[in-house]
C-alpha atoms as a PDB file:
ATOM      1  CA  MET A   1      -4.613  19.947  12.444  1.00  0.00           C
ATOM      2  CA  LEU A   2      -4.466  20.476   8.684  1.00  0.00           C
ATOM      3  CA  THR A   3      -0.938  22.017   9.068  1.00  0.00           C
ATOM      4  CA  ASP A   4       0.215  18.890  11.099  1.00  0.00           C
ATOM      5  CA  ILE A   5      -0.975  16.526   8.379  1.00  0.00           C
ATOM      6  CA  LYS A   6       0.945  18.614   5.830  1.00  0.00           C
ATOM      7  CA  GLN A   7       4.018  18.628   7.933  1.00  0.00           C
ATOM      8  CA  VAL A   8       4.033  14.910   8.367  1.00  0.00           C
ATOM      9  CA  LEU A   9       3.399  14.307   4.665  1.00  0.00           C
ATOM     10  CA  SER A  10       6.250  16.515   3.679  1.00  0.00           C
ATOM     11  CA  ARG A  11       8.726  14.592   6.021  1.00  0.00           C
ATOM     12  CA  SER A  12       7.727  11.140   5.241  1.00  0.00           C
ATOM     13  CA  THR A  13       7.187  11.178   1.466  1.00  0.00           C
ATOM     14  CA  ALA A  14       9.553   8.339   0.752  1.00  0.00           C
ATOM     15  CA  THR A  15       8.126   6.055   3.273  1.00  0.00           C
ATOM     16  CA  ILE A  16       4.608   6.784   2.069  1.00  0.00           C
ATOM     17  CA  TRP A  17       5.444   5.403  -1.373  1.00  0.00           C
ATOM     18  CA  GLN A  18       6.946   2.411   0.198  1.00  0.00           C
ATOM     19  CA  ASP A  19       3.680   1.786   2.053  1.00  0.00           C
ATOM     20  CA  ILE A  20       1.724   2.279  -1.112  1.00  0.00           C
ATOM     21  CA  VAL A  21       3.937  -0.198  -2.926  1.00  0.00           C
ATOM     22  CA  GLY A  22       3.776  -2.654  -0.149  1.00  0.00           C
ATOM     23  CA  ALA A  23      -0.048  -2.296   0.139  1.00  0.00           C
ATOM     24  CA  THR A  24      -0.504  -2.792  -3.513  1.00  0.00           C
ATOM     25  CA  SER A  25       1.644  -5.839  -3.656  1.00  0.00           C
ATOM     26  CA  LEU A  26      -0.357  -7.420  -0.813  1.00  0.00           C
ATOM     27  CA  VAL A  27      -3.508  -6.779  -2.592  1.00  0.00           C
ATOM     28  CA  VAL A  28      -2.104  -8.491  -5.777  1.00  0.00           C
ATOM     29  CA  VAL A  29      -0.883 -11.581  -3.700  1.00  0.00           C
ATOM     30  CA  LEU A  30      -4.328 -11.824  -2.045  1.00  0.00           C
ATOM     31  CA  LEU A  31      -6.120 -11.702  -5.344  1.00  0.00           C
ATOM     32  CA  ALA A  32      -3.831 -14.236  -6.987  1.00  0.00           C
ATOM     33  CA  ALA A  33      -4.244 -16.560  -4.022  1.00  0.00           C
ATOM     34  CA  LEU A  34      -8.185 -16.177  -4.312  1.00  0.00           C
ATOM     35  CA  HIS A  35      -7.930 -17.240  -7.922  1.00  0.00           C
ATOM     36  CA  LEU A  36      -5.550 -20.237  -7.516  1.00  0.00           C
ATOM     37  CA  PRO A  37      -8.268 -22.902  -6.220  1.00  0.00           C
ATOM     38  CA  GLY A  38     -10.320 -22.257  -9.312  1.00  0.00           C
ATOM     39  CA  ALA A  39      -7.557 -22.969 -11.601  1.00  0.00           C
ATOM     40  CA  PHE A  40      -7.209 -26.643 -10.468  1.00  0.00           C
END
């Protein structure tokens, strides 16, 4: 099981970074959208 996880991580390093960047940007957009109604 642990070796399977290591193999998957070693094969998909580039896509994992893209997923992390995408998830971070979604969180930033969500937080910005939550703060917009308070600005008006």
